[in-house]
Amino acid sequence: MKDMPERFRRLVLTSLSQMRWLLVVAALALVGVTLSSLLAPWPLKIIFDHILLDKPLPEMLGFLDPLFGLGQGVALLIMAL
């Protein structure tokens, strides 16, 4: 009974090493889902504030100027996609 914790530890480490890549993929998927959940409200904010309410774009969203130059309808369609 004395070496029972050692056997258990070896069993767990062996199982984890066999599934190492699955654990890496699962961790990356979790990070991706978390990031997409955090970014989800931003397209709606841009649509409401800068397309529908016609507020000017802040400097940090300056990369969207060419999109807004195509017209509100096109910008709305692309942001909705």
N, C-alpha and C. Protein backbone atom coordinates (compact mmCIF):
# COMPACT_ATOMS: atom_id res chain seq x y z
N MET A 1 0.81 -1.21 0.00
CA MET A 1 0.00 0.00 0.00
C MET A 1 0.85 1.27 0.00
N LYS A 2 2.11 1.10 0.38
CA LYS A 2 2.97 2.26 0.51
C LYS A 2 3.25 2.93 -0.84
N ASP A 3 3.40 2.15 -1.90
CA ASP A 3 3.71 2.73 -3.21
C ASP A 3 2.47 3.02 -4.03
N MET A 4 1.28 2.97 -3.43
CA MET A 4 0.04 3.26 -4.14
C MET A 4 0.03 4.68 -4.71
N PRO A 5 0.42 5.72 -3.97
CA PRO A 5 0.44 7.07 -4.56
C PRO A 5 1.42 7.17 -5.74
N GLU A 6 2.53 6.47 -5.66
CA GLU A 6 3.50 6.50 -6.76
C GLU A 6 2.92 5.85 -8.01
N ARG A 7 2.25 4.72 -7.85
CA ARG A 7 1.61 4.05 -9.00
C ARG A 7 0.52 4.93 -9.60
N PHE A 8 -0.26 5.58 -8.74
CA PHE A 8 -1.32 6.47 -9.22
C PHE A 8 -0.72 7.64 -10.00
N ARG A 9 0.35 8.22 -9.45
CA ARG A 9 1.01 9.34 -10.13
C ARG A 9 1.53 8.93 -11.49
N ARG A 10 2.16 7.76 -11.58
CA ARG A 10 2.66 7.26 -12.87
C ARG A 10 1.52 7.02 -13.85
N LEU A 11 0.43 6.48 -13.37
CA LEU A 11 -0.73 6.22 -14.22
C LEU A 11 -1.29 7.53 -14.78
N VAL A 12 -1.43 8.53 -13.92
CA VAL A 12 -1.96 9.82 -14.36
C VAL A 12 -1.01 10.49 -15.35
N LEU A 13 0.28 10.50 -15.05
CA LEU A 13 1.24 11.13 -15.95
C LEU A 13 1.31 10.41 -17.29
N THR A 14 1.21 9.09 -17.29
CA THR A 14 1.20 8.34 -18.54
C THR A 14 -0.02 8.69 -19.38
N SER A 15 -1.17 8.77 -18.73
CA SER A 15 -2.41 9.11 -19.45
C SER A 15 -2.35 10.52 -20.01
N LEU A 16 -1.84 11.45 -19.21
CA LEU A 16 -1.74 12.84 -19.68
C LEU A 16 -0.75 12.98 -20.82
N SER A 17 0.35 12.25 -20.76
CA SER A 17 1.33 12.36 -21.85
C SER A 17 0.79 11.78 -23.15
N GLN A 18 -0.08 10.78 -23.07
CA GLN A 18 -0.67 10.21 -24.28
C GLN A 18 -1.67 11.17 -24.91
N MET A 19 -2.28 12.01 -24.11
CA MET A 19 -3.30 12.94 -24.62
C MET A 19 -2.80 14.37 -24.67
N ARG A 20 -1.51 14.56 -24.70
CA ARG A 20 -0.92 15.89 -24.66
C ARG A 20 -1.45 16.79 -25.77
N TRP A 21 -1.46 16.33 -27.01
CA TRP A 21 -1.88 17.17 -28.13
C TRP A 21 -3.37 17.46 -28.08
N LEU A 22 -4.16 16.52 -27.60
CA LEU A 22 -5.59 16.79 -27.44
C LEU A 22 -5.81 17.88 -26.40
N LEU A 23 -5.03 17.86 -25.34
CA LEU A 23 -5.15 18.90 -24.31
C LEU A 23 -4.72 20.26 -24.85
N VAL A 24 -3.69 20.29 -25.68
CA VAL A 24 -3.23 21.55 -26.28
C VAL A 24 -4.32 22.11 -27.21
N VAL A 25 -4.90 21.25 -28.04
CA VAL A 25 -5.96 21.69 -28.94
C VAL A 25 -7.17 22.18 -28.15
N ALA A 26 -7.53 21.48 -27.08
CA ALA A 26 -8.65 21.90 -26.25
C ALA A 26 -8.39 23.25 -25.59
N ALA A 27 -7.16 23.47 -25.13
CA ALA A 27 -6.81 24.75 -24.50
C ALA A 27 -6.87 25.89 -25.52
N LEU A 28 -6.37 25.64 -26.73
CA LEU A 28 -6.43 26.67 -27.78
C LEU A 28 -7.87 26.98 -28.18
N ALA A 29 -8.70 25.95 -28.24
CA ALA A 29 -10.11 26.16 -28.56
C ALA A 29 -10.79 26.98 -27.48
N LEU A 30 -10.46 26.72 -26.24
CA LEU A 30 -11.03 27.49 -25.14
C LEU A 30 -10.62 28.95 -25.21
N VAL A 31 -9.37 29.21 -25.54
CA VAL A 31 -8.91 30.60 -25.69
C VAL A 31 -9.64 31.27 -26.85
N GLY A 32 -9.81 30.55 -27.96
CA GLY A 32 -10.52 31.11 -29.11
C GLY A 32 -11.97 31.45 -28.82
N VAL A 33 -12.65 30.57 -28.14
CA VAL A 33 -14.06 30.82 -27.78
C VAL A 33 -14.16 32.00 -26.82
N THR A 34 -13.25 32.08 -25.88
CA THR A 34 -13.26 33.20 -24.93
C THR A 34 -13.03 34.53 -25.64
N LEU A 35 -12.05 34.57 -26.53
CA LEU A 35 -11.78 35.81 -27.26
C LEU A 35 -12.96 36.21 -28.15
N SER A 36 -13.57 35.25 -28.82
CA SER A 36 -14.71 35.59 -29.67
C SER A 36 -15.90 36.07 -28.85
N SER A 37 -16.07 35.54 -27.65
CA SER A 37 -17.14 36.01 -26.77
C SER A 37 -16.88 37.43 -26.30
N LEU A 38 -15.63 37.76 -26.04
CA LEU A 38 -15.30 39.11 -25.61
C LEU A 38 -15.46 40.12 -26.74
N LEU A 39 -15.19 39.71 -27.98
CA LEU A 39 -15.27 40.63 -29.11
C LEU A 39 -16.65 40.71 -29.74
N ALA A 40 -17.57 39.87 -29.34
CA ALA A 40 -18.89 39.80 -29.97
C ALA A 40 -19.66 41.13 -29.98
N PRO A 41 -19.67 41.92 -28.91
CA PRO A 41 -20.47 43.15 -28.92
C PRO A 41 -19.91 44.26 -29.81
N TRP A 42 -18.64 44.22 -30.18
CA TRP A 42 -18.04 45.34 -30.90
C TRP A 42 -18.63 45.60 -32.27
N PRO A 43 -18.90 44.60 -33.10
CA PRO A 43 -19.54 44.93 -34.39
C PRO A 43 -20.89 45.62 -34.22
N LEU A 44 -21.67 45.21 -33.22
CA LEU A 44 -22.96 45.87 -32.99
C LEU A 44 -22.77 47.30 -32.54
N LYS A 45 -21.78 47.55 -31.70
CA LYS A 45 -21.50 48.91 -31.25
C LYS A 45 -21.11 49.78 -32.44
N ILE A 46 -20.28 49.27 -33.31
CA ILE A 46 -19.87 50.04 -34.49
C ILE A 46 -21.06 50.31 -35.39
N ILE A 47 -21.92 49.32 -35.58
CA ILE A 47 -23.11 49.50 -36.42
C ILE A 47 -24.00 50.59 -35.84
N PHE A 48 -24.33 50.49 -34.55
CA PHE A 48 -25.24 51.47 -33.97
C PHE A 48 -24.63 52.86 -33.88
N ASP A 49 -23.42 52.97 -33.36
CA ASP A 49 -22.84 54.28 -33.13
C ASP A 49 -22.39 54.98 -34.41
N HIS A 50 -21.74 54.26 -35.30
CA HIS A 50 -21.07 54.93 -36.41
C HIS A 50 -21.77 54.77 -37.75
N ILE A 51 -22.68 53.84 -37.86
CA ILE A 51 -23.44 53.72 -39.12
C ILE A 51 -24.84 54.30 -38.94
N LEU A 52 -25.58 53.81 -37.95
CA LEU A 52 -26.96 54.25 -37.79
C LEU A 52 -27.07 55.64 -37.15
N LEU A 53 -26.24 55.93 -36.15
CA LEU A 53 -26.30 57.23 -35.48
C LEU A 53 -25.35 58.25 -36.11
N ASP A 54 -24.55 57.82 -37.06
CA ASP A 54 -23.66 58.69 -37.85
C ASP A 54 -22.67 59.49 -36.99
N LYS A 55 -22.18 58.87 -35.92
CA LYS A 55 -21.13 59.50 -35.12
C LYS A 55 -19.81 59.32 -35.84
N PRO A 56 -18.87 60.25 -35.68
CA PRO A 56 -17.57 60.09 -36.34
C PRO A 56 -16.76 58.96 -35.71
N LEU A 57 -15.94 58.33 -36.55
CA LEU A 57 -15.10 57.24 -36.06
C LEU A 57 -13.95 57.78 -35.21
N PRO A 58 -13.64 57.13 -34.11
CA PRO A 58 -12.45 57.54 -33.36
C PRO A 58 -11.18 57.13 -34.12
N GLU A 59 -10.06 57.68 -33.70
CA GLU A 59 -8.79 57.41 -34.40
C GLU A 59 -8.44 55.93 -34.40
N MET A 60 -8.75 55.22 -33.31
CA MET A 60 -8.39 53.81 -33.25
C MET A 60 -9.16 52.95 -34.25
N LEU A 61 -10.27 53.46 -34.78
CA LEU A 61 -11.03 52.75 -35.80
C LEU A 61 -10.80 53.37 -37.18
N GLY A 62 -9.73 54.10 -37.34
CA GLY A 62 -9.42 54.75 -38.61
C GLY A 62 -9.25 53.78 -39.76
N PHE A 63 -8.89 52.53 -39.45
CA PHE A 63 -8.73 51.53 -40.52
C PHE A 63 -10.05 51.21 -41.20
N LEU A 64 -11.19 51.62 -40.60
CA LEU A 64 -12.50 51.37 -41.20
C LEU A 64 -12.95 52.50 -42.13
N ASP A 65 -12.17 53.57 -42.23
CA ASP A 65 -12.54 54.71 -43.09
C ASP A 65 -12.82 54.29 -44.54
N PRO A 66 -11.98 53.46 -45.16
CA PRO A 66 -12.30 53.06 -46.54
C PRO A 66 -13.64 52.32 -46.64
N LEU A 67 -13.97 51.54 -45.63
CA LEU A 67 -15.24 50.82 -45.63
C LEU A 67 -16.41 51.81 -45.55
N PHE A 68 -16.28 52.81 -44.69
CA PHE A 68 -17.35 53.79 -44.53
C PHE A 68 -17.43 54.70 -45.75
N GLY A 69 -16.35 54.80 -46.50
CA GLY A 69 -16.36 55.60 -47.72
C GLY A 69 -17.20 54.97 -48.83
N LEU A 70 -17.47 53.69 -48.72
CA LEU A 70 -18.29 53.00 -49.73
C LEU A 70 -19.77 53.28 -49.57
N GLY A 71 -20.16 53.89 -48.46
CA GLY A 71 -21.56 54.18 -48.20
C GLY A 71 -22.06 53.42 -46.99
N GLN A 72 -23.12 53.96 -46.40
CA GLN A 72 -23.65 53.35 -45.18
C GLN A 72 -24.24 51.97 -45.42
N GLY A 73 -24.89 51.78 -46.54
CA GLY A 73 -25.50 50.48 -46.84
C GLY A 73 -24.46 49.38 -46.97
N VAL A 74 -23.41 49.67 -47.69
CA VAL A 74 -22.34 48.68 -47.89
C VAL A 74 -21.64 48.41 -46.55
N ALA A 75 -21.36 49.48 -45.79
CA ALA A 75 -20.70 49.31 -44.50
C ALA A 75 -21.58 48.49 -43.56
N LEU A 76 -22.87 48.75 -43.56
CA LEU A 76 -23.79 47.99 -42.72
C LEU A 76 -23.82 46.52 -43.13
N LEU A 77 -23.84 46.25 -44.40
CA LEU A 77 -23.85 44.87 -44.89
C LEU A 77 -22.57 44.14 -44.49
N ILE A 78 -21.43 44.77 -44.68
CA ILE A 78 -20.16 44.12 -44.35
C ILE A 78 -20.03 43.92 -42.85
N MET A 79 -20.41 44.91 -42.05
CA MET A 79 -20.32 44.76 -40.59
C MET A 79 -21.29 43.71 -40.09
N ALA A 80 -22.43 43.56 -40.73
CA ALA A 80 -23.39 42.52 -40.32
C ALA A 80 -22.87 41.12 -40.62
N LEU A 81 -22.08 41.02 -41.68
CA LEU A 81 -21.51 39.71 -42.01
C LEU A 81 -20.49 39.33 -40.99
